[in-house]
Amino acid sequence: MFSGSMVAIVTPFDNQGQFAEETFRQLIDFQIENGTDVIVPCGTTGESATLGVDEHEYVIKVCLDQVNKRIPVVAGTGANNTAEAIHLSKKAKSMGADGLLLVCPYYNKPSQEGIYQHYKRLAEEVALPQVLYNVPGRTGVNMLPDTTARLAEFANIVAIKEASGSLAQVSEILAKAGDKIDVISGDDFLTFPMMCCGAKGVISVSANAVPKQVKDMVEAVQNADYLMARKLHLELLEFHTAMFIESNPVPVKKTLELMGKLQANVRLPLVDMSDETLEKLKVVLKKYKVI
């Protein structure tokens, strides 16, 4: 249902730490103009963890307004409180979101049964296509393939954004439930091999800054031009790595600032990039002719 080059779009803030709405609207247009297939606001890259509930809803509202049905919007509405995730998800549905991105409950460290019951409740309560999001490096818990396969039985659970970093895990999900649930890459540097296994695309960090390049690589795989896709994948690898030289989204926001697209403000407990790391980032960005 959701496929191709999808961007986990950043949430820009002004120097007072407030949501920079006009900048956000410009970023969305930049994505659409460069071929991005789906906009995903309020994910990890959108600093959802530091958005208040009202603010979270407003960012989604602005995104939907600016996109204006030109491409799908999959709203990040996950939380480690099931009731809060349901509230955000129902609100996103009422505003016209095309789908939901639901991060695996973080910090609580639920059992596999707890994870299942969390997503089961969301599937039953909110009649909208839902994308599970497994990112154990952030959440402290790994949703196992058997749990994903159980959840694939729900008709409105349509995909999983897999950011476990394990191609074995991705392959196991596809082997167990690939006919019932789509797999989407959550790691830019694994998109090519994941798509070769059967993943449908990527929800990308790098696409914030280089949307056309990410789109070109994904499209090459979709067209079964694997030699070109591999070439583009390897060419982008150093850029993808640089986007995680510090905690996401600090490097990608700094990149966008150097490109003149926003102010690289992040919210505490994230802080601005160190001078030493910034110099390393600039070397990579110059190599890619981004700056």
C-alpha atoms as a PDB file:
ATOM      1  CA  MET A   1       0.000   0.000   0.000  1.00  0.00           C
ATOM      2  CA  PHE A   2       2.802   2.417   0.943  1.00  0.00           C
ATOM      3  CA  SER A   3       5.946   1.959  -1.102  1.00  0.00           C
ATOM      4  CA  GLY A   4       8.901   3.643  -2.733  1.00  0.00           C
ATOM      5  CA  SER A   5      10.963   6.491  -1.331  1.00  0.00           C
ATOM      6  CA  MET A   6       9.257   7.758   1.814  1.00  0.00           C
ATOM      7  CA  VAL A   7      10.759  10.484   3.987  1.00  0.00           C
ATOM      8  CA  ALA A   8      10.752  10.582   7.784  1.00  0.00           C
ATOM      9  CA  ILE A   9      10.573  14.352   7.648  1.00  0.00           C
ATOM     10  CA  VAL A  10      12.244  16.560  10.255  1.00  0.00           C
ATOM     11  CA  THR A  11      10.276  19.008  12.393  1.00  0.00           C
ATOM     12  CA  PRO A  12      11.952  22.432  12.105  1.00  0.00           C
ATOM     13  CA  PHE A  13      12.119  24.730  15.146  1.00  0.00           C
ATOM     14  CA  ASP A  14      12.883  28.441  15.328  1.00  0.00           C
ATOM     15  CA  ASN A  15      15.436  30.015  17.667  1.00  0.00           C
ATOM     16  CA  GLN A  16      12.840  30.089  20.443  1.00  0.00           C
ATOM     17  CA  GLY A  17      12.288  26.350  20.074  1.00  0.00           C
ATOM     18  CA  GLN A  18       8.839  26.720  18.502  1.00  0.00           C
ATOM     19  CA  PHE A  19       7.559  24.833  15.461  1.00  0.00           C
ATOM     20  CA  ALA A  20       8.664  26.686  12.319  1.00  0.00           C
ATOM     21  CA  GLU A  21       5.543  26.174  10.228  1.00  0.00           C
ATOM     22  CA  GLU A  22       6.507  28.019   7.059  1.00  0.00           C
ATOM     23  CA  THR A  23       9.876  26.262   6.927  1.00  0.00           C
ATOM     24  CA  PHE A  24       8.083  22.924   7.322  1.00  0.00           C
ATOM     25  CA  ARG A  25       5.785  23.732   4.416  1.00  0.00           C
ATOM     26  CA  GLN A  26       8.804  24.533   2.244  1.00  0.00           C
ATOM     27  CA  LEU A  27      10.486  21.250   3.201  1.00  0.00           C
ATOM     28  CA  ILE A  28       7.365  19.341   2.160  1.00  0.00           C
ATOM     29  CA  ASP A  29       7.316  21.037  -1.243  1.00  0.00           C
ATOM     30  CA  PHE A  30      11.036  20.267  -1.665  1.00  0.00           C
ATOM     31  CA  GLN A  31      10.257  16.590  -1.083  1.00  0.00           C
ATOM     32  CA  ILE A  32       7.345  16.439  -3.514  1.00  0.00           C
ATOM     33  CA  GLU A  33       9.281  18.324  -6.193  1.00  0.00           C
ATOM     34  CA  ASN A  34      12.061  15.707  -5.943  1.00  0.00           C
ATOM     35  CA  GLY A  35       9.845  12.666  -6.350  1.00  0.00           C
ATOM     36  CA  THR A  36       9.320  11.493  -2.762  1.00  0.00           C
ATOM     37  CA  ASP A  37       6.405   9.053  -2.681  1.00  0.00           C
ATOM     38  CA  VAL A  38       5.139   9.447   0.901  1.00  0.00           C
ATOM     39  CA  ILE A  39       5.633  12.034   3.671  1.00  0.00           C
ATOM     40  CA  VAL A  40       5.944  10.670   7.213  1.00  0.00           C
ATOM     41  CA  PRO A  41       5.684  13.437   9.850  1.00  0.00           C
ATOM     42  CA  CYS A  42       6.239  13.040  13.598  1.00  0.00           C
ATOM     43  CA  GLY A  43       8.461   9.991  13.529  1.00  0.00           C
ATOM     44  CA  THR A  44      11.745   9.638  15.412  1.00  0.00           C
ATOM     45  CA  THR A  45      13.392  11.972  12.895  1.00  0.00           C
ATOM     46  CA  GLY A  46      10.555  14.442  13.508  1.00  0.00           C
ATOM     47  CA  GLU A  47      11.452  14.501  17.232  1.00  0.00           C
ATOM     48  CA  SER A  48       8.026  13.200  18.194  1.00  0.00           C
ATOM     49  CA  ALA A  49       9.259  12.393  21.694  1.00  0.00           C
ATOM     50  CA  THR A  50       9.600  16.102  22.506  1.00  0.00           C
ATOM     51  CA  LEU A  51       6.367  17.278  20.870  1.00  0.00           C
ATOM     52  CA  GLY A  52       3.446  17.981  23.177  1.00  0.00           C
ATOM     53  CA  VAL A  53       0.176  16.275  22.234  1.00  0.00           C
ATOM     54  CA  ASP A  54      -1.433  19.460  20.848  1.00  0.00           C
ATOM     55  CA  GLU A  55       1.767  20.348  19.014  1.00  0.00           C
ATOM     56  CA  HIS A  56       2.066  16.814  17.630  1.00  0.00           C
ATOM     57  CA  GLU A  57      -1.452  17.062  16.228  1.00  0.00           C
ATOM     58  CA  TYR A  58      -0.752  20.486  14.743  1.00  0.00           C
ATOM     59  CA  VAL A  59       2.378  19.323  12.905  1.00  0.00           C
ATOM     60  CA  ILE A  60       0.341  16.525  11.319  1.00  0.00           C
ATOM     61  CA  LYS A  61      -2.422  19.005  10.429  1.00  0.00           C
ATOM     62  CA  VAL A  62       0.043  21.357   8.718  1.00  0.00           C
ATOM     63  CA  CYS A  63       1.616  18.463   6.837  1.00  0.00           C
ATOM     64  CA  LEU A  64      -1.752  17.288   5.530  1.00  0.00           C
ATOM     65  CA  ASP A  65      -2.682  20.828   4.548  1.00  0.00           C
ATOM     66  CA  GLN A  66       0.551  21.451   2.652  1.00  0.00           C
ATOM     67  CA  VAL A  67       0.628  18.068   0.922  1.00  0.00           C
ATOM     68  CA  ASN A  68      -2.994  18.639  -0.088  1.00  0.00           C
ATOM     69  CA  LYS A  69      -3.464  15.045  -1.262  1.00  0.00           C
ATOM     70  CA  ARG A  70      -0.625  15.235  -3.794  1.00  0.00           C
ATOM     71  CA  ILE A  71       0.995  12.164  -2.214  1.00  0.00           C
ATOM     72  CA  PRO A  72       0.072  10.009   0.818  1.00  0.00           C
ATOM     73  CA  VAL A  73       0.807  11.113   4.379  1.00  0.00           C
ATOM     74  CA  VAL A  74       1.550   8.439   6.980  1.00  0.00           C
ATOM     75  CA  ALA A  75       1.370  10.171  10.350  1.00  0.00           C
ATOM     76  CA  GLY A  76       3.610   9.117  13.220  1.00  0.00           C
ATOM     77  CA  THR A  77       1.187   8.544  16.098  1.00  0.00           C
ATOM     78  CA  GLY A  78       2.957   5.919  18.174  1.00  0.00           C
ATOM     79  CA  ALA A  79       3.557   6.178  21.909  1.00  0.00           C
ATOM     80  CA  ASN A  80       4.582   3.963  24.808  1.00  0.00           C
ATOM     81  CA  ASN A  81       1.163   4.655  26.332  1.00  0.00           C
ATOM     82  CA  THR A  82      -1.434   2.703  24.357  1.00  0.00           C
ATOM     83  CA  ALA A  83      -4.240   5.131  25.221  1.00  0.00           C
ATOM     84  CA  GLU A  84      -2.161   8.088  23.991  1.00  0.00           C
ATOM     85  CA  ALA A  85      -1.306   6.272  20.761  1.00  0.00           C
ATOM     86  CA  ILE A  86      -5.018   5.602  20.188  1.00  0.00           C
ATOM     87  CA  HIS A  87      -5.866   9.259  20.858  1.00  0.00           C
ATOM     88  CA  LEU A  88      -3.210  10.546  18.427  1.00  0.00           C
ATOM     89  CA  SER A  89      -4.174   7.966  15.825  1.00  0.00           C
ATOM     90  CA  LYS A  90      -7.877   8.825  15.947  1.00  0.00           C
ATOM     91  CA  LYS A  91      -7.012  12.506  15.665  1.00  0.00           C
ATOM     92  CA  ALA A  92      -4.783  11.873  12.636  1.00  0.00           C
ATOM     93  CA  LYS A  93      -7.576   9.851  11.018  1.00  0.00           C
ATOM     94  CA  SER A  94     -10.074  12.665  11.599  1.00  0.00           C
ATOM     95  CA  MET A  95      -7.675  15.124   9.949  1.00  0.00           C
ATOM     96  CA  GLY A  96      -7.344  12.972   6.835  1.00  0.00           C
ATOM     97  CA  ALA A  97      -4.103  11.005   7.251  1.00  0.00           C
ATOM     98  CA  ASP A  98      -3.716   8.143   4.781  1.00  0.00           C
ATOM     99  CA  GLY A  99      -2.015   5.879   7.292  1.00  0.00           C
ATOM    100  CA  LEU A 100      -0.282   5.661  10.655  1.00  0.00           C
ATOM    101  CA  LEU A 101       3.312   4.902  11.673  1.00  0.00           C
ATOM    102  CA  LEU A 102       3.265   3.272  15.098  1.00  0.00           C
ATOM    103  CA  VAL A 103       6.541   2.885  16.947  1.00  0.00           C
ATOM    104  CA  CYS A 104       6.950  -0.144  19.172  1.00  0.00           C
ATOM    105  CA  PRO A 105       6.328   0.923  22.796  1.00  0.00           C
ATOM    106  CA  TYR A 106       9.593   2.285  24.173  1.00  0.00           C
ATOM    107  CA  TYR A 107      11.034   2.373  27.696  1.00  0.00           C
ATOM    108  CA  ASN A 108       8.313   0.096  29.172  1.00  0.00           C
ATOM    109  CA  LYS A 109      10.091  -2.980  27.688  1.00  0.00           C
ATOM    110  CA  PRO A 110       6.890  -4.985  27.186  1.00  0.00           C
ATOM    111  CA  SER A 111       6.914  -8.709  26.490  1.00  0.00           C
ATOM    112  CA  GLN A 112       6.120  -9.961  23.002  1.00  0.00           C
ATOM    113  CA  GLU A 113       2.549 -10.525  24.206  1.00  0.00           C
ATOM    114  CA  GLY A 114       2.416  -6.952  25.487  1.00  0.00           C
ATOM    115  CA  ILE A 115       3.604  -5.660  22.112  1.00  0.00           C
ATOM    116  CA  TYR A 116       0.971  -7.779  20.380  1.00  0.00           C
ATOM    117  CA  GLN A 117      -1.837  -6.542  22.630  1.00  0.00           C
ATOM    118  CA  HIS A 118      -0.733  -2.898  22.141  1.00  0.00           C
ATOM    119  CA  TYR A 119      -0.941  -3.142  18.358  1.00  0.00           C
ATOM    120  CA  LYS A 120      -4.067  -5.322  18.469  1.00  0.00           C
ATOM    121  CA  ARG A 121      -5.886  -2.610  20.415  1.00  0.00           C
ATOM    122  CA  LEU A 122      -4.767   0.053  17.926  1.00  0.00           C
ATOM    123  CA  ALA A 123      -5.862  -2.066  14.971  1.00  0.00           C
ATOM    124  CA  GLU A 124      -9.271  -2.605  16.532  1.00  0.00           C
ATOM    125  CA  GLU A 125      -9.782   1.013  17.607  1.00  0.00           C
ATOM    126  CA  VAL A 126      -8.572   2.924  14.532  1.00  0.00           C
ATOM    127  CA  ALA A 127      -9.829   1.990  11.063  1.00  0.00           C
ATOM    128  CA  LEU A 128      -6.839   3.235   9.088  1.00  0.00           C
ATOM    129  CA  PRO A 129      -3.883   1.463   7.406  1.00  0.00           C
ATOM    130  CA  GLN A 130      -1.177   0.986  10.005  1.00  0.00           C
ATOM    131  CA  VAL A 131       2.597   0.601   9.687  1.00  0.00           C
ATOM    132  CA  LEU A 132       4.316  -1.061  12.624  1.00  0.00           C
ATOM    133  CA  TYR A 133       7.738   0.371  13.483  1.00  0.00           C
ATOM    134  CA  ASN A 134      10.410  -1.832  15.016  1.00  0.00           C
ATOM    135  CA  VAL A 135      13.506   0.107  16.101  1.00  0.00           C
ATOM    136  CA  PRO A 136      15.095  -1.733  19.058  1.00  0.00           C
ATOM    137  CA  GLY A 137      18.062   0.642  19.201  1.00  0.00           C
ATOM    138  CA  ARG A 138      15.623   3.367  20.275  1.00  0.00           C
ATOM    139  CA  THR A 139      12.928   1.428  22.114  1.00  0.00           C
ATOM    140  CA  GLY A 140      14.907  -1.099  24.122  1.00  0.00           C
ATOM    141  CA  VAL A 141      12.802  -4.005  22.822  1.00  0.00           C
ATOM    142  CA  ASN A 142      12.857  -6.004  19.595  1.00  0.00           C
ATOM    143  CA  MET A 143       9.554  -7.070  18.053  1.00  0.00           C
ATOM    144  CA  LEU A 144      10.260 -10.608  16.898  1.00  0.00           C
ATOM    145  CA  PRO A 145       9.176 -12.017  13.523  1.00  0.00           C
ATOM    146  CA  ASP A 146       6.609 -14.330  15.132  1.00  0.00           C
ATOM    147  CA  THR A 147       4.910 -11.303  16.731  1.00  0.00           C
ATOM    148  CA  THR A 148       4.939  -9.440  13.425  1.00  0.00           C
ATOM    149  CA  ALA A 149       3.428 -12.493  11.712  1.00  0.00           C
ATOM    150  CA  ARG A 150       0.620 -12.618  14.314  1.00  0.00           C
ATOM    151  CA  LEU A 151      -0.126  -8.936  13.780  1.00  0.00           C
ATOM    152  CA  ALA A 152      -0.125  -9.402   9.995  1.00  0.00           C
ATOM    153  CA  GLU A 153      -3.468 -11.180  10.399  1.00  0.00           C
ATOM    154  CA  PHE A 154      -5.154  -7.812  11.008  1.00  0.00           C
ATOM    155  CA  ALA A 155      -6.348  -6.424   7.678  1.00  0.00           C
ATOM    156  CA  ASN A 156      -5.446  -2.813   8.530  1.00  0.00           C
ATOM    157  CA  ILE A 157      -1.894  -3.655   9.674  1.00  0.00           C
ATOM    158  CA  VAL A 158      -0.386  -3.321   6.226  1.00  0.00           C
ATOM    159  CA  ALA A 159       3.374  -2.938   6.749  1.00  0.00           C
ATOM    160  CA  ILE A 160       6.274  -2.889   9.163  1.00  0.00           C
ATOM    161  CA  LYS A 161       9.108  -0.383   9.134  1.00  0.00           C
ATOM    162  CA  GLU A 162      12.002  -2.647  10.113  1.00  0.00           C
ATOM    163  CA  ALA A 163      14.998  -0.930  11.708  1.00  0.00           C
ATOM    164  CA  SER A 164      16.418  -3.855  13.655  1.00  0.00           C
ATOM    165  CA  GLY A 165      19.492  -3.796  11.423  1.00  0.00           C
ATOM    166  CA  SER A 166      19.139  -7.543  10.857  1.00  0.00           C
ATOM    167  CA  LEU A 167      18.702  -8.880   7.337  1.00  0.00           C
ATOM    168  CA  ALA A 168      18.060 -12.280   8.892  1.00  0.00           C
ATOM    169  CA  GLN A 169      15.111 -10.837  10.811  1.00  0.00           C
ATOM    170  CA  VAL A 170      13.791  -9.080   7.714  1.00  0.00           C
ATOM    171  CA  SER A 171      14.060 -12.322   5.738  1.00  0.00           C
ATOM    172  CA  GLU A 172      12.249 -14.247   8.465  1.00  0.00           C
ATOM    173  CA  ILE A 173       9.345 -11.782   8.465  1.00  0.00           C
ATOM    174  CA  LEU A 174       9.067 -12.066   4.687  1.00  0.00           C
ATOM    175  CA  ALA A 175       9.244 -15.864   4.857  1.00  0.00           C
ATOM    176  CA  LYS A 176       6.577 -16.094   7.572  1.00  0.00           C
ATOM    177  CA  ALA A 177       4.196 -13.323   6.513  1.00  0.00           C
ATOM    178  CA  GLY A 178       5.386 -11.637   3.325  1.00  0.00           C
ATOM    179  CA  ASP A 179       2.066 -12.396   1.641  1.00  0.00           C
ATOM    180  CA  LYS A 180       0.169 -10.522   4.371  1.00  0.00           C
ATOM    181  CA  ILE A 181       2.402  -7.613   5.407  1.00  0.00           C
ATOM    182  CA  ASP A 182       4.815  -5.361   3.522  1.00  0.00           C
ATOM    183  CA  VAL A 183       8.298  -4.734   4.877  1.00  0.00           C
ATOM    184  CA  ILE A 184       9.758  -1.225   4.624  1.00  0.00           C
ATOM    185  CA  SER A 185      13.385  -0.395   5.362  1.00  0.00           C
ATOM    186  CA  GLY A 186      13.991   1.780   8.391  1.00  0.00           C
ATOM    187  CA  ASP A 187      17.761   1.911   7.820  1.00  0.00           C
ATOM    188  CA  ASP A 188      18.963   3.839   4.759  1.00  0.00           C
ATOM    189  CA  PHE A 189      22.156   1.818   4.481  1.00  0.00           C
ATOM    190  CA  LEU A 190      20.158  -1.451   4.289  1.00  0.00           C
ATOM    191  CA  THR A 191      17.451  -0.356   1.848  1.00  0.00           C
ATOM    192  CA  PHE A 192      19.045  -1.969  -1.204  1.00  0.00           C
ATOM    193  CA  PRO A 193      19.641  -5.429   0.305  1.00  0.00           C
ATOM    194  CA  MET A 194      16.247  -5.329   2.041  1.00  0.00           C
ATOM    195  CA  MET A 195      14.481  -4.494  -1.226  1.00  0.00           C
ATOM    196  CA  CYS A 196      16.377  -7.311  -2.938  1.00  0.00           C
ATOM    197  CA  CYS A 197      14.818  -9.610  -0.315  1.00  0.00           C
ATOM    198  CA  GLY A 198      11.352  -8.185  -0.990  1.00  0.00           C
ATOM    199  CA  ALA A 199      10.971  -4.949   0.973  1.00  0.00           C
ATOM    200  CA  LYS A 200       8.789  -2.336  -0.717  1.00  0.00           C
ATOM    201  CA  GLY A 201      10.887   0.772  -0.087  1.00  0.00           C
ATOM    202  CA  VAL A 202      12.310   2.937   2.686  1.00  0.00           C
ATOM    203  CA  ILE A 203      11.180   5.453   5.260  1.00  0.00           C
ATOM    204  CA  SER A 204      14.342   7.476   4.938  1.00  0.00           C
ATOM    205  CA  VAL A 205      16.360   9.926   7.012  1.00  0.00           C
ATOM    206  CA  SER A 206      18.773  10.748   4.190  1.00  0.00           C
ATOM    207  CA  ALA A 207      15.908  11.707   1.861  1.00  0.00           C
ATOM    208  CA  ASN A 208      15.414  14.854   3.933  1.00  0.00           C
ATOM    209  CA  ALA A 209      18.571  16.201   2.297  1.00  0.00           C
ATOM    210  CA  VAL A 210      19.000  14.107  -0.870  1.00  0.00           C
ATOM    211  CA  PRO A 211      15.463  13.074  -1.877  1.00  0.00           C
ATOM    212  CA  LYS A 212      16.191  12.637  -5.572  1.00  0.00           C
ATOM    213  CA  GLN A 213      19.188  10.379  -4.966  1.00  0.00           C
ATOM    214  CA  VAL A 214      17.251   8.158  -2.565  1.00  0.00           C
ATOM    215  CA  LYS A 215      14.307   8.041  -4.989  1.00  0.00           C
ATOM    216  CA  ASP A 216      16.606   7.110  -7.900  1.00  0.00           C
ATOM    217  CA  MET A 217      18.085   4.162  -5.992  1.00  0.00           C
ATOM    218  CA  VAL A 218      14.686   2.873  -4.841  1.00  0.00           C
ATOM    219  CA  GLU A 219      13.235   3.272  -8.314  1.00  0.00           C
ATOM    220  CA  ALA A 220      16.119   1.330  -9.836  1.00  0.00           C
ATOM    221  CA  VAL A 221      15.289  -1.654  -7.609  1.00  0.00           C
ATOM    222  CA  GLN A 222      11.580  -1.323  -8.422  1.00  0.00           C
ATOM    223  CA  ASN A 223      12.516  -1.450 -12.112  1.00  0.00           C
ATOM    224  CA  ALA A 224      14.676  -4.550 -11.500  1.00  0.00           C
ATOM    225  CA  ASP A 225      17.788  -2.623 -12.606  1.00  0.00           C
ATOM    226  CA  TYR A 226      19.847  -4.195  -9.862  1.00  0.00           C
ATOM    227  CA  LEU A 227      23.244  -3.215 -11.244  1.00  0.00           C
ATOM    228  CA  MET A 228      22.283   0.466 -11.269  1.00  0.00           C
ATOM    229  CA  ALA A 229      20.609   0.143  -7.863  1.00  0.00           C
ATOM    230  CA  ARG A 230      23.714  -1.434  -6.365  1.00  0.00           C
ATOM    231  CA  LYS A 231      25.879   1.312  -7.861  1.00  0.00           C
ATOM    232  CA  LEU A 232      23.643   4.045  -6.384  1.00  0.00           C
ATOM    233  CA  HIS A 233      23.449   2.233  -3.041  1.00  0.00           C
ATOM    234  CA  LEU A 234      27.211   2.026  -2.722  1.00  0.00           C
ATOM    235  CA  GLU A 235      27.617   5.633  -3.826  1.00  0.00           C
ATOM    236  CA  LEU A 236      25.207   6.801  -1.096  1.00  0.00           C
ATOM    237  CA  LEU A 237      26.597   4.625   1.675  1.00  0.00           C
ATOM    238  CA  GLU A 238      28.978   7.212   3.141  1.00  0.00           C
ATOM    239  CA  PHE A 239      26.219   9.828   3.115  1.00  0.00           C
ATOM    240  CA  HIS A 240      23.837   7.500   4.971  1.00  0.00           C
ATOM    241  CA  THR A 241      26.518   6.782   7.557  1.00  0.00           C
ATOM    242  CA  ALA A 242      27.156  10.504   8.063  1.00  0.00           C
ATOM    243  CA  MET A 243      23.484  11.049   8.913  1.00  0.00           C
ATOM    244  CA  PHE A 244      24.094   8.994  12.057  1.00  0.00           C
ATOM    245  CA  ILE A 245      27.458  10.459  13.049  1.00  0.00           C
ATOM    246  CA  GLU A 246      25.548  11.771  16.108  1.00  0.00           C
ATOM    247  CA  SER A 247      22.029  11.017  17.305  1.00  0.00           C
ATOM    248  CA  ASN A 248      19.343  11.371  14.651  1.00  0.00           C
ATOM    249  CA  PRO A 249      18.114  13.980  13.676  1.00  0.00           C
ATOM    250  CA  VAL A 250      21.056  16.175  14.711  1.00  0.00           C
ATOM    251  CA  PRO A 251      23.221  15.440  11.624  1.00  0.00           C
ATOM    252  CA  VAL A 252      20.405  15.664   9.058  1.00  0.00           C
ATOM    253  CA  LYS A 253      19.162  18.932  10.561  1.00  0.00           C
ATOM    254  CA  LYS A 254      22.688  20.341  10.448  1.00  0.00           C
ATOM    255  CA  THR A 255      22.937  19.198   6.828  1.00  0.00           C
ATOM    256  CA  LEU A 256      19.691  20.984   5.973  1.00  0.00           C
ATOM    257  CA  GLU A 257      20.941  24.116   7.724  1.00  0.00           C
ATOM    258  CA  LEU A 258      24.145  24.053   5.670  1.00  0.00           C
ATOM    259  CA  MET A 259      21.933  23.688   2.588  1.00  0.00           C
ATOM    260  CA  GLY A 260      20.052  26.837   3.645  1.00  0.00           C
ATOM    261  CA  LYS A 261      16.749  25.058   4.275  1.00  0.00           C
ATOM    262  CA  LEU A 262      16.248  25.494   8.032  1.00  0.00           C
ATOM    263  CA  GLN A 263      17.869  26.375  11.346  1.00  0.00           C
ATOM    264  CA  ALA A 264      19.378  23.261  12.901  1.00  0.00           C
ATOM    265  CA  ASN A 265      17.600  23.694  16.221  1.00  0.00           C
ATOM    266  CA  VAL A 266      16.816  20.554  18.194  1.00  0.00           C
ATOM    267  CA  ARG A 267      15.065  20.150  21.523  1.00  0.00           C
ATOM    268  CA  LEU A 268      16.688  19.048  24.731  1.00  0.00           C
ATOM    269  CA  PRO A 269      17.898  16.508  25.625  1.00  0.00           C
ATOM    270  CA  LEU A 270      19.345  16.628  22.102  1.00  0.00           C
ATOM    271  CA  VAL A 271      21.957  19.327  21.564  1.00  0.00           C
ATOM    272  CA  ASP A 272      23.743  20.866  18.596  1.00  0.00           C
ATOM    273  CA  MET A 273      26.513  18.955  16.900  1.00  0.00           C
ATOM    274  CA  SER A 274      30.026  19.272  18.316  1.00  0.00           C
ATOM    275  CA  ASP A 275      32.556  21.305  16.316  1.00  0.00           C
ATOM    276  CA  GLU A 276      34.738  18.252  15.740  1.00  0.00           C
ATOM    277  CA  THR A 277      31.848  16.190  14.348  1.00  0.00           C
ATOM    278  CA  LEU A 278      30.637  19.124  12.271  1.00  0.00           C
ATOM    279  CA  GLU A 279      33.958  19.288  10.444  1.00  0.00           C
ATOM    280  CA  LYS A 280      33.705  15.573   9.629  1.00  0.00           C
ATOM    281  CA  LEU A 281      30.161  16.065   8.378  1.00  0.00           C
ATOM    282  CA  LYS A 282      31.190  18.972   6.146  1.00  0.00           C
ATOM    283  CA  VAL A 283      33.852  16.825   4.472  1.00  0.00           C
ATOM    284  CA  VAL A 284      31.198  14.271   3.510  1.00  0.00           C
ATOM    285  CA  LEU A 285      28.682  16.878   2.367  1.00  0.00           C
ATOM    286  CA  LYS A 286      31.268  18.566   0.156  1.00  0.00           C
ATOM    287  CA  LYS A 287      32.156  15.210  -1.354  1.00  0.00           C
ATOM    288  CA  TYR A 288      28.487  14.730  -2.286  1.00  0.00           C
ATOM    289  CA  LYS A 289      28.229  18.337  -3.501  1.00  0.00           C
ATOM    290  CA  VAL A 290      25.363  18.965  -1.086  1.00  0.00           C
ATOM    291  CA  ILE A 291      27.123  22.126   0.120  1.00  0.00           C
END
